[in-house]
Amino acid sequence: SAKNGKEALKALKLATEPTLIFMDLMMPVMSGWELLDEIKKDESFSQHKIVTISAINPSQTLQDPTPLDTDGTIRKPLSWEQIWNEVTKHCNMPSSTT
């Protein structure tokens, strides 16, 4: 977890194997949009899945409802069920824990 986009980028570069990244688009210091740009520039992140979280309706700001070629978007307010659905979808896990 990071307090802003700049801290998130630093943490990602130090991480061993992040496979799924959840990020808010509205962050201080470095926005989620800027962080996405930095991640896309770095080949070492090319296999990672990115899910954006935002109160902004992406369809109001972009033609594509999934901003900047990410793997998913969750609109706020979000639920644990929405997060779990993204985890199971992108990490090849069963959708139910039972």
PDB file of N, CA and C in Angstrom:
ATOM      1  N   SER A   1       0.842  -1.169   0.000  1.00  0.00           N
ATOM      2  CA  SER A   1       0.000   0.000   0.000  1.00  0.00           C
ATOM      3  C   SER A   1       0.893   1.240   0.000  1.00  0.00           C
ATOM      4  N   ALA A   2       0.438   2.263  -0.695  1.00  0.00           N
ATOM      5  CA  ALA A   2       1.201   3.506  -0.789  1.00  0.00           C
ATOM      6  C   ALA A   2       0.262   4.686  -0.598  1.00  0.00           C
ATOM      7  N   LYS A   3       0.807   5.799  -0.099  1.00  0.00           N
ATOM      8  CA  LYS A   3       0.002   6.992   0.169  1.00  0.00           C
ATOM      9  C   LYS A   3      -0.261   7.813  -1.080  1.00  0.00           C
ATOM     10  N   ASN A   4       0.593   7.658  -2.098  1.00  0.00           N
ATOM     11  CA  ASN A   4       0.430   8.438  -3.322  1.00  0.00           C
ATOM     12  C   ASN A   4       1.085   7.694  -4.481  1.00  0.00           C
ATOM     13  N   GLY A   5       0.926   8.231  -5.678  1.00  0.00           N
ATOM     14  CA  GLY A   5       1.452   7.579  -6.870  1.00  0.00           C
ATOM     15  C   GLY A   5       2.959   7.434  -6.874  1.00  0.00           C
ATOM     16  N   LYS A   6       3.661   8.422  -6.353  1.00  0.00           N
ATOM     17  CA  LYS A   6       5.126   8.370  -6.327  1.00  0.00           C
ATOM     18  C   LYS A   6       5.603   7.233  -5.422  1.00  0.00           C
ATOM     19  N   GLU A   7       4.989   7.104  -4.241  1.00  0.00           N
ATOM     20  CA  GLU A   7       5.332   6.003  -3.337  1.00  0.00           C
ATOM     21  C   GLU A   7       4.962   4.655  -3.961  1.00  0.00           C
ATOM     22  N   ALA A   8       3.847   4.619  -4.676  1.00  0.00           N
ATOM     23  CA  ALA A   8       3.418   3.375  -5.324  1.00  0.00           C
ATOM     24  C   ALA A   8       4.432   2.928  -6.369  1.00  0.00           C
ATOM     25  N   LEU A   9       4.927   3.859  -7.173  1.00  0.00           N
ATOM     26  CA  LEU A   9       5.915   3.519  -8.192  1.00  0.00           C
ATOM     27  C   LEU A   9       7.187   2.983  -7.547  1.00  0.00           C
ATOM     28  N   LYS A  10       7.631   3.617  -6.485  1.00  0.00           N
ATOM     29  CA  LYS A  10       8.830   3.162  -5.771  1.00  0.00           C
ATOM     30  C   LYS A  10       8.613   1.752  -5.216  1.00  0.00           C
ATOM     31  N   ALA A  11       7.454   1.509  -4.610  1.00  0.00           N
ATOM     32  CA  ALA A  11       7.149   0.189  -4.049  1.00  0.00           C
ATOM     33  C   ALA A  11       7.082  -0.876  -5.135  1.00  0.00           C
ATOM     34  N   LEU A  12       6.507  -0.527  -6.282  1.00  0.00           N
ATOM     35  CA  LEU A  12       6.418  -1.488  -7.381  1.00  0.00           C
ATOM     36  C   LEU A  12       7.792  -1.879  -7.899  1.00  0.00           C
ATOM     37  N   LYS A  13       8.692  -0.915  -7.970  1.00  0.00           N
ATOM     38  CA  LYS A  13      10.042  -1.205  -8.460  1.00  0.00           C
ATOM     39  C   LYS A  13      10.823  -2.083  -7.487  1.00  0.00           C
ATOM     40  N   LEU A  14      10.477  -2.032  -6.202  1.00  0.00           N
ATOM     41  CA  LEU A  14      11.150  -2.848  -5.192  1.00  0.00           C
ATOM     42  C   LEU A  14      10.496  -4.217  -5.011  1.00  0.00           C
ATOM     43  N   ALA A  15       9.266  -4.357  -5.455  1.00  0.00           N
ATOM     44  CA  ALA A  15       8.522  -5.605  -5.266  1.00  0.00           C
ATOM     45  C   ALA A  15       9.112  -6.720  -6.117  1.00  0.00           C
ATOM     46  N   THR A  16       8.971  -7.933  -5.630  1.00  0.00           N
ATOM     47  CA  THR A  16       9.511  -9.064  -6.370  1.00  0.00           C
ATOM     48  C   THR A  16       8.595  -9.508  -7.497  1.00  0.00           C
ATOM     49  N   GLU A  17       7.358  -9.775  -7.228  1.00  0.00           N
ATOM     50  CA  GLU A  17       6.464 -10.281  -8.252  1.00  0.00           C
ATOM     51  C   GLU A  17       5.027  -9.776  -8.103  1.00  0.00           C
ATOM     52  N   PRO A  18       4.762  -8.503  -8.192  1.00  0.00           N
ATOM     53  CA  PRO A  18       3.347  -8.115  -8.158  1.00  0.00           C
ATOM     54  C   PRO A  18       2.678  -8.578  -9.447  1.00  0.00           C
ATOM     55  N   THR A  19       1.560  -9.222  -9.328  1.00  0.00           N
ATOM     56  CA  THR A  19       0.872  -9.675 -10.526  1.00  0.00           C
ATOM     57  C   THR A  19      -0.414  -8.907 -10.774  1.00  0.00           C
ATOM     58  N   LEU A  20      -0.988  -8.354  -9.722  1.00  0.00           N
ATOM     59  CA  LEU A  20      -2.226  -7.597  -9.854  1.00  0.00           C
ATOM     60  C   LEU A  20      -2.090  -6.306  -9.063  1.00  0.00           C
ATOM     61  N   ILE A  21      -2.282  -5.201  -9.736  1.00  0.00           N
ATOM     62  CA  ILE A  21      -2.128  -3.884  -9.123  1.00  0.00           C
ATOM     63  C   ILE A  21      -3.488  -3.194  -9.112  1.00  0.00           C
ATOM     64  N   PHE A  22      -3.958  -2.810  -7.923  1.00  0.00           N
ATOM     65  CA  PHE A  22      -5.153  -1.984  -7.788  1.00  0.00           C
ATOM     66  C   PHE A  22      -4.675  -0.571  -7.532  1.00  0.00           C
ATOM     67  N   MET A  23      -5.191   0.397  -8.272  1.00  0.00           N
ATOM     68  CA  MET A  23      -4.749   1.775  -8.064  1.00  0.00           C
ATOM     69  C   MET A  23      -5.892   2.755  -8.249  1.00  0.00           C
ATOM     70  N   ASP A  24      -5.901   3.743  -7.359  1.00  0.00           N
ATOM     71  CA  ASP A  24      -6.850   4.846  -7.473  1.00  0.00           C
ATOM     72  C   ASP A  24      -6.304   5.809  -8.520  1.00  0.00           C
ATOM     73  N   LEU A  25      -7.166   6.375  -9.317  1.00  0.00           N
ATOM     74  CA  LEU A  25      -6.714   7.341 -10.322  1.00  0.00           C
ATOM     75  C   LEU A  25      -6.445   8.710  -9.718  1.00  0.00           C
ATOM     76  N   MET A  26      -7.107   9.015  -8.607  1.00  0.00           N
ATOM     77  CA  MET A  26      -6.958  10.322  -7.977  1.00  0.00           C
ATOM     78  C   MET A  26      -6.076  10.182  -6.741  1.00  0.00           C
ATOM     79  N   MET A  27      -4.764  10.432  -6.915  1.00  0.00           N
ATOM     80  CA  MET A  27      -3.805  10.343  -5.810  1.00  0.00           C
ATOM     81  C   MET A  27      -2.995  11.628  -5.763  1.00  0.00           C
ATOM     82  N   PRO A  28      -2.515  11.988  -4.576  1.00  0.00           N
ATOM     83  CA  PRO A  28      -1.665  13.178  -4.475  1.00  0.00           C
ATOM     84  C   PRO A  28      -0.250  12.898  -4.991  1.00  0.00           C
ATOM     85  N   VAL A  29       0.520  13.925  -5.170  1.00  0.00           N
ATOM     86  CA  VAL A  29       1.925  13.901  -5.590  1.00  0.00           C
ATOM     87  C   VAL A  29       2.070  13.404  -7.025  1.00  0.00           C
ATOM     88  N   MET A  30       1.683  12.170  -7.303  1.00  0.00           N
ATOM     89  CA  MET A  30       1.661  11.616  -8.655  1.00  0.00           C
ATOM     90  C   MET A  30       0.300  10.954  -8.824  1.00  0.00           C
ATOM     91  N   SER A  31      -0.471  11.400  -9.791  1.00  0.00           N
ATOM     92  CA  SER A  31      -1.818  10.855  -9.979  1.00  0.00           C
ATOM     93  C   SER A  31      -1.752   9.422 -10.505  1.00  0.00           C
ATOM     94  N   GLY A  32      -2.873   8.747 -10.431  1.00  0.00           N
ATOM     95  CA  GLY A  32      -2.959   7.406 -10.997  1.00  0.00           C
ATOM     96  C   GLY A  32      -2.707   7.408 -12.492  1.00  0.00           C
ATOM     97  N   TRP A  33      -3.152   8.466 -13.178  1.00  0.00           N
ATOM     98  CA  TRP A  33      -2.901   8.593 -14.623  1.00  0.00           C
ATOM     99  C   TRP A  33      -1.396   8.655 -14.889  1.00  0.00           C
ATOM    100  N   GLU A  34      -0.684   9.451 -14.089  1.00  0.00           N
ATOM    101  CA  GLU A  34       0.772   9.568 -14.255  1.00  0.00           C
ATOM    102  C   GLU A  34       1.469   8.255 -13.902  1.00  0.00           C
ATOM    103  N   LEU A  35       0.993   7.595 -12.848  1.00  0.00           N
ATOM    104  CA  LEU A  35       1.571   6.312 -12.462  1.00  0.00           C
ATOM    105  C   LEU A  35       1.365   5.280 -13.570  1.00  0.00           C
ATOM    106  N   LEU A  36       0.187   5.269 -14.177  1.00  0.00           N
ATOM    107  CA  LEU A  36      -0.061   4.358 -15.297  1.00  0.00           C
ATOM    108  C   LEU A  36       0.917   4.609 -16.437  1.00  0.00           C
ATOM    109  N   ASP A  37       1.163   5.874 -16.741  1.00  0.00           N
ATOM    110  CA  ASP A  37       2.140   6.210 -17.789  1.00  0.00           C
ATOM    111  C   ASP A  37       3.514   5.641 -17.456  1.00  0.00           C
ATOM    112  N   GLU A  38       3.948   5.791 -16.207  1.00  0.00           N
ATOM    113  CA  GLU A  38       5.260   5.287 -15.789  1.00  0.00           C
ATOM    114  C   GLU A  38       5.314   3.760 -15.851  1.00  0.00           C
ATOM    115  N   ILE A  39       4.247   3.111 -15.425  1.00  0.00           N
ATOM    116  CA  ILE A  39       4.197   1.648 -15.461  1.00  0.00           C
ATOM    117  C   ILE A  39       4.265   1.158 -16.904  1.00  0.00           C
ATOM    118  N   LYS A  40       3.519   1.801 -17.796  1.00  0.00           N
ATOM    119  CA  LYS A  40       3.493   1.381 -19.203  1.00  0.00           C
ATOM    120  C   LYS A  40       4.850   1.565 -19.880  1.00  0.00           C
ATOM    121  N   LYS A  41       5.658   2.510 -19.409  1.00  0.00           N
ATOM    122  CA  LYS A  41       6.990   2.743 -19.980  1.00  0.00           C
ATOM    123  C   LYS A  41       7.989   1.662 -19.579  1.00  0.00           C
ATOM    124  N   ASP A  42       7.732   0.964 -18.478  1.00  0.00           N
ATOM    125  CA  ASP A  42       8.686   0.014 -17.906  1.00  0.00           C
ATOM    126  C   ASP A  42       8.315  -1.417 -18.305  1.00  0.00           C
ATOM    127  N   GLU A  43       9.123  -2.027 -19.158  1.00  0.00           N
ATOM    128  CA  GLU A  43       8.871  -3.385 -19.644  1.00  0.00           C
ATOM    129  C   GLU A  43       8.747  -4.419 -18.526  1.00  0.00           C
ATOM    130  N   SER A  44       9.391  -4.181 -17.398  1.00  0.00           N
ATOM    131  CA  SER A  44       9.336  -5.169 -16.317  1.00  0.00           C
ATOM    132  C   SER A  44       7.923  -5.321 -15.745  1.00  0.00           C
ATOM    133  N   PHE A  45       7.032  -4.384 -16.050  1.00  0.00           N
ATOM    134  CA  PHE A  45       5.645  -4.465 -15.588  1.00  0.00           C
ATOM    135  C   PHE A  45       4.693  -4.968 -16.666  1.00  0.00           C
ATOM    136  N   SER A  46       5.204  -5.377 -17.814  1.00  0.00           N
ATOM    137  CA  SER A  46       4.347  -5.692 -18.959  1.00  0.00           C
ATOM    138  C   SER A  46       3.378  -6.847 -18.710  1.00  0.00           C
ATOM    139  N   GLN A  47       3.709  -7.760 -17.834  1.00  0.00           N
ATOM    140  CA  GLN A  47       2.836  -8.905 -17.568  1.00  0.00           C
ATOM    141  C   GLN A  47       1.873  -8.675 -16.401  1.00  0.00           C
ATOM    142  N   HIS A  48       1.992  -7.558 -15.722  1.00  0.00           N
ATOM    143  CA  HIS A  48       1.147  -7.290 -14.561  1.00  0.00           C
ATOM    144  C   HIS A  48      -0.229  -6.798 -14.998  1.00  0.00           C
ATOM    145  N   LYS A  49      -1.218  -7.176 -14.242  1.00  0.00           N
ATOM    146  CA  LYS A  49      -2.590  -6.733 -14.477  1.00  0.00           C
ATOM    147  C   LYS A  49      -2.844  -5.497 -13.625  1.00  0.00           C
ATOM    148  N   ILE A  50      -3.535  -4.517 -14.209  1.00  0.00           N
ATOM    149  CA  ILE A  50      -3.822  -3.266 -13.509  1.00  0.00           C
ATOM    150  C   ILE A  50      -5.327  -3.023 -13.508  1.00  0.00           C
ATOM    151  N   VAL A  51      -5.869  -2.809 -12.316  1.00  0.00           N
ATOM    152  CA  VAL A  51      -7.278  -2.466 -12.153  1.00  0.00           C
ATOM    153  C   VAL A  51      -7.332  -1.091 -11.511  1.00  0.00           C
ATOM    154  N   THR A  52      -7.996  -0.162 -12.175  1.00  0.00           N
ATOM    155  CA  THR A  52      -8.114   1.185 -11.626  1.00  0.00           C
ATOM    156  C   THR A  52      -9.371   1.284 -10.767  1.00  0.00           C
ATOM    157  N   ILE A  53      -9.284   2.160  -9.774  1.00  0.00           N
ATOM    158  CA  ILE A  53     -10.399   2.423  -8.863  1.00  0.00           C
ATOM    159  C   ILE A  53     -10.640   3.922  -8.891  1.00  0.00           C
ATOM    160  N   SER A  54     -11.893   4.326  -9.126  1.00  0.00           N
ATOM    161  CA  SER A  54     -12.155   5.756  -9.195  1.00  0.00           C
ATOM    162  C   SER A  54     -13.633   6.071  -9.047  1.00  0.00           C
ATOM    163  N   ALA A  55     -13.902   7.248  -8.512  1.00  0.00           N
ATOM    164  CA  ALA A  55     -15.269   7.757  -8.469  1.00  0.00           C
ATOM    165  C   ALA A  55     -15.637   8.380  -9.809  1.00  0.00           C
ATOM    166  N   ILE A  56     -14.627   8.655 -10.620  1.00  0.00           N
ATOM    167  CA  ILE A  56     -14.852   9.221 -11.951  1.00  0.00           C
ATOM    168  C   ILE A  56     -15.407   8.134 -12.849  1.00  0.00           C
ATOM    169  N   ASN A  57     -16.412   8.452 -13.620  1.00  0.00           N
ATOM    170  CA  ASN A  57     -16.933   7.519 -14.603  1.00  0.00           C
ATOM    171  C   ASN A  57     -16.007   7.565 -15.812  1.00  0.00           C
ATOM    172  N   PRO A  58     -15.226   6.498 -16.058  1.00  0.00           N
ATOM    173  CA  PRO A  58     -14.272   6.536 -17.169  1.00  0.00           C
ATOM    174  C   PRO A  58     -14.922   6.838 -18.509  1.00  0.00           C
ATOM    175  N   SER A  59     -16.179   6.429 -18.706  1.00  0.00           N
ATOM    176  CA  SER A  59     -16.833   6.683 -19.988  1.00  0.00           C
ATOM    177  C   SER A  59     -17.114   8.169 -20.202  1.00  0.00           C
ATOM    178  N   GLN A  60     -17.073   8.963 -19.129  1.00  0.00           N
ATOM    179  CA  GLN A  60     -17.258  10.404 -19.278  1.00  0.00           C
ATOM    180  C   GLN A  60     -15.975  11.098 -19.711  1.00  0.00           C
ATOM    181  N   THR A  61     -14.824  10.467 -19.460  1.00  0.00           N
ATOM    182  CA  THR A  61     -13.553  11.104 -19.782  1.00  0.00           C
ATOM    183  C   THR A  61     -12.840  10.454 -20.956  1.00  0.00           C
ATOM    184  N   LEU A  62     -13.192   9.224 -21.288  1.00  0.00           N
ATOM    185  CA  LEU A  62     -12.540   8.503 -22.373  1.00  0.00           C
ATOM    186  C   LEU A  62     -13.579   7.761 -23.200  1.00  0.00           C
ATOM    187  N   GLN A  63     -13.253   7.457 -24.443  1.00  0.00           N
ATOM    188  CA  GLN A  63     -14.134   6.649 -25.280  1.00  0.00           C
ATOM    189  C   GLN A  63     -14.231   5.226 -24.723  1.00  0.00           C
ATOM    190  N   ASP A  64     -13.102   4.658 -24.351  1.00  0.00           N
ATOM    191  CA  ASP A  64     -13.035   3.295 -23.835  1.00  0.00           C
ATOM    192  C   ASP A  64     -13.310   3.315 -22.334  1.00  0.00           C
ATOM    193  N   PRO A  65     -14.252   2.484 -21.846  1.00  0.00           N
ATOM    194  CA  PRO A  65     -14.546   2.497 -20.409  1.00  0.00           C
ATOM    195  C   PRO A  65     -13.417   1.951 -19.545  1.00  0.00           C
ATOM    196  N   THR A  66     -12.427   1.291 -20.131  1.00  0.00           N
ATOM    197  CA  THR A  66     -11.261   0.819 -19.389  1.00  0.00           C
ATOM    198  C   THR A  66     -10.111   1.757 -19.702  1.00  0.00           C
ATOM    199  N   PRO A  67      -9.770   2.680 -18.783  1.00  0.00           N
ATOM    200  CA  PRO A  67      -8.815   3.737 -19.108  1.00  0.00           C
ATOM    201  C   PRO A  67      -7.397   3.246 -19.355  1.00  0.00           C
ATOM    202  N   LEU A  68      -6.756   3.868 -20.327  1.00  0.00           N
ATOM    203  CA  LEU A  68      -5.336   3.662 -20.613  1.00  0.00           C
ATOM    204  C   LEU A  68      -4.929   2.202 -20.706  1.00  0.00           C
ATOM    205  N   ASP A  69      -5.756   1.408 -21.360  1.00  0.00           N
ATOM    206  CA  ASP A  69      -5.392   0.015 -21.600  1.00  0.00           C
ATOM    207  C   ASP A  69      -5.120  -0.752 -20.304  1.00  0.00           C
ATOM    208  N   THR A  70      -5.952  -0.555 -19.308  1.00  0.00           N
ATOM    209  CA  THR A  70      -5.836  -1.321 -18.068  1.00  0.00           C
ATOM    210  C   THR A  70      -6.688  -2.578 -18.186  1.00  0.00           C
ATOM    211  N   ASP A  71      -6.618  -3.424 -17.190  1.00  0.00           N
ATOM    212  CA  ASP A  71      -7.319  -4.701 -17.248  1.00  0.00           C
ATOM    213  C   ASP A  71      -8.697  -4.665 -16.597  1.00  0.00           C
ATOM    214  N   GLY A  72      -9.032  -3.545 -15.990  1.00  0.00           N
ATOM    215  CA  GLY A  72     -10.341  -3.413 -15.379  1.00  0.00           C
ATOM    216  C   GLY A  72     -10.476  -2.099 -14.641  1.00  0.00           C
ATOM    217  N   THR A  73     -11.716  -1.764 -14.333  1.00  0.00           N
ATOM    218  CA  THR A  73     -12.015  -0.544 -13.592  1.00  0.00           C
ATOM    219  C   THR A  73     -13.121  -0.842 -12.590  1.00  0.00           C
ATOM    220  N   ILE A  74     -12.943  -0.376 -11.372  1.00  0.00           N
ATOM    221  CA  ILE A  74     -13.983  -0.473 -10.350  1.00  0.00           C
ATOM    222  C   ILE A  74     -14.369   0.950  -9.978  1.00  0.00           C
ATOM    223  N   ARG A  75     -15.675   1.218 -10.026  1.00  0.00           N
ATOM    224  CA  ARG A  75     -16.160   2.540  -9.630  1.00  0.00           C
ATOM    225  C   ARG A  75     -16.418   2.570  -8.140  1.00  0.00           C
ATOM    226  N   LYS A  76     -16.083   3.701  -7.523  1.00  0.00           N
ATOM    227  CA  LYS A  76     -16.389   3.908  -6.103  1.00  0.00           C
ATOM    228  C   LYS A  76     -17.859   4.269  -5.972  1.00  0.00           C
ATOM    229  N   PRO A  77     -18.500   3.927  -4.894  1.00  0.00           N
ATOM    230  CA  PRO A  77     -17.968   3.159  -3.772  1.00  0.00           C
ATOM    231  C   PRO A  77     -17.802   1.695  -4.191  1.00  0.00           C
ATOM    232  N   LEU A  78     -16.729   1.074  -3.738  1.00  0.00           N
ATOM    233  CA  LEU A  78     -16.455  -0.300  -4.119  1.00  0.00           C
ATOM    234  C   LEU A  78     -16.741  -1.247  -2.967  1.00  0.00           C
ATOM    235  N   SER A  79     -16.883  -2.504  -3.320  1.00  0.00           N
ATOM    236  CA  SER A  79     -17.154  -3.530  -2.304  1.00  0.00           C
ATOM    237  C   SER A  79     -16.055  -4.583  -2.351  1.00  0.00           C
ATOM    238  N   TRP A  80     -15.954  -5.349  -1.274  1.00  0.00           N
ATOM    239  CA  TRP A  80     -14.989  -6.448  -1.250  1.00  0.00           C
ATOM    240  C   TRP A  80     -15.316  -7.460  -2.332  1.00  0.00           C
ATOM    241  N   GLU A  81     -16.595  -7.622  -2.626  1.00  0.00           N
ATOM    242  CA  GLU A  81     -16.999  -8.561  -3.677  1.00  0.00           C
ATOM    243  C   GLU A  81     -16.427  -8.132  -5.030  1.00  0.00           C
ATOM    244  N   GLN A  82     -16.473  -6.836  -5.330  1.00  0.00           N
ATOM    245  CA  GLN A  82     -15.902  -6.346  -6.586  1.00  0.00           C
ATOM    246  C   GLN A  82     -14.394  -6.591  -6.631  1.00  0.00           C
ATOM    247  N   ILE A  83     -13.727  -6.336  -5.519  1.00  0.00           N
ATOM    248  CA  ILE A  83     -12.278  -6.569  -5.462  1.00  0.00           C
ATOM    249  C   ILE A  83     -11.987  -8.054  -5.658  1.00  0.00           C
ATOM    250  N   TRP A  84     -12.708  -8.911  -4.939  1.00  0.00           N
ATOM    251  CA  TRP A  84     -12.487 -10.347  -5.049  1.00  0.00           C
ATOM    252  C   TRP A  84     -12.746 -10.837  -6.476  1.00  0.00           C
ATOM    253  N   ASN A  85     -13.784 -10.304  -7.122  1.00  0.00           N
ATOM    254  CA  ASN A  85     -14.072 -10.688  -8.506  1.00  0.00           C
ATOM    255  C   ASN A  85     -12.897 -10.369  -9.422  1.00  0.00           C
ATOM    256  N   GLU A  86     -12.268  -9.219  -9.228  1.00  0.00           N
ATOM    257  CA  GLU A  86     -11.101  -8.851 -10.047  1.00  0.00           C
ATOM    258  C   GLU A  86      -9.909  -9.752  -9.733  1.00  0.00           C
ATOM    259  N   VAL A  87      -9.712 -10.071  -8.455  1.00  0.00           N
ATOM    260  CA  VAL A  87      -8.608 -10.962  -8.067  1.00  0.00           C
ATOM    261  C   VAL A  87      -8.786 -12.324  -8.725  1.00  0.00           C
ATOM    262  N   THR A  88      -9.976 -12.901  -8.611  1.00  0.00           N
ATOM    263  CA  THR A  88     -10.196 -14.233  -9.183  1.00  0.00           C
ATOM    264  C   THR A  88     -10.092 -14.208 -10.702  1.00  0.00           C
ATOM    265  N   LYS A  89     -10.552 -13.142 -11.324  1.00  0.00           N
ATOM    266  CA  LYS A  89     -10.501 -13.025 -12.787  1.00  0.00           C
ATOM    267  C   LYS A  89      -9.064 -12.938 -13.297  1.00  0.00           C
ATOM    268  N   HIS A  90      -8.232 -12.161 -12.646  1.00  0.00           N
ATOM    269  CA  HIS A  90      -6.891 -11.889 -13.162  1.00  0.00           C
ATOM    270  C   HIS A  90      -5.799 -12.791 -12.596  1.00  0.00           C
ATOM    271  N   CYS A  91      -6.090 -13.513 -11.528  1.00  0.00           N
ATOM    272  CA  CYS A  91      -5.063 -14.365 -10.906  1.00  0.00           C
ATOM    273  C   CYS A  91      -5.383 -15.848 -11.047  1.00  0.00           C
ATOM    274  N   ASN A  92      -6.298 -16.174 -11.956  1.00  0.00           N
ATOM    275  CA  ASN A  92      -6.653 -17.572 -12.220  1.00  0.00           C
ATOM    276  C   ASN A  92      -7.010 -18.332 -10.954  1.00  0.00           C
ATOM    277  N   MET A  93      -7.882 -17.733 -10.160  1.00  0.00           N
ATOM    278  CA  MET A  93      -8.338 -18.354  -8.920  1.00  0.00           C
ATOM    279  C   MET A  93      -9.810 -18.709  -9.059  1.00  0.00           C
ATOM    280  N   PRO A  94     -10.273 -19.705  -8.297  1.00  0.00           N
ATOM    281  CA  PRO A  94     -11.707 -20.002  -8.323  1.00  0.00           C
ATOM    282  C   PRO A  94     -12.497 -18.820  -7.782  1.00  0.00           C
ATOM    283  N   SER A  95     -13.666 -18.582  -8.338  1.00  0.00           N
ATOM    284  CA  SER A  95     -14.448 -17.410  -7.940  1.00  0.00           C
ATOM    285  C   SER A  95     -15.115 -17.575  -6.585  1.00  0.00           C
ATOM    286  N   SER A  96     -15.199 -18.781  -6.078  1.00  0.00           N
ATOM    287  CA  SER A  96     -15.815 -19.019  -4.771  1.00  0.00           C
ATOM    288  C   SER A  96     -14.805 -19.674  -3.842  1.00  0.00           C
ATOM    289  N   THR A  97     -14.864 -19.305  -2.569  1.00  0.00           N
ATOM    290  CA  THR A  97     -13.951 -19.893  -1.586  1.00  0.00           C
ATOM    291  C   THR A  97     -14.534 -21.143  -0.948  1.00  0.00           C
ATOM    292  N   THR A  98     -15.754 -21.522  -1.330  1.00  0.00           N
ATOM    293  CA  THR A  98     -16.388 -22.718  -0.750  1.00  0.00           C
ATOM    294  C   THR A  98     -16.217 -23.904  -1.652  1.00  0.00           C
TER     295      THR A  98
END
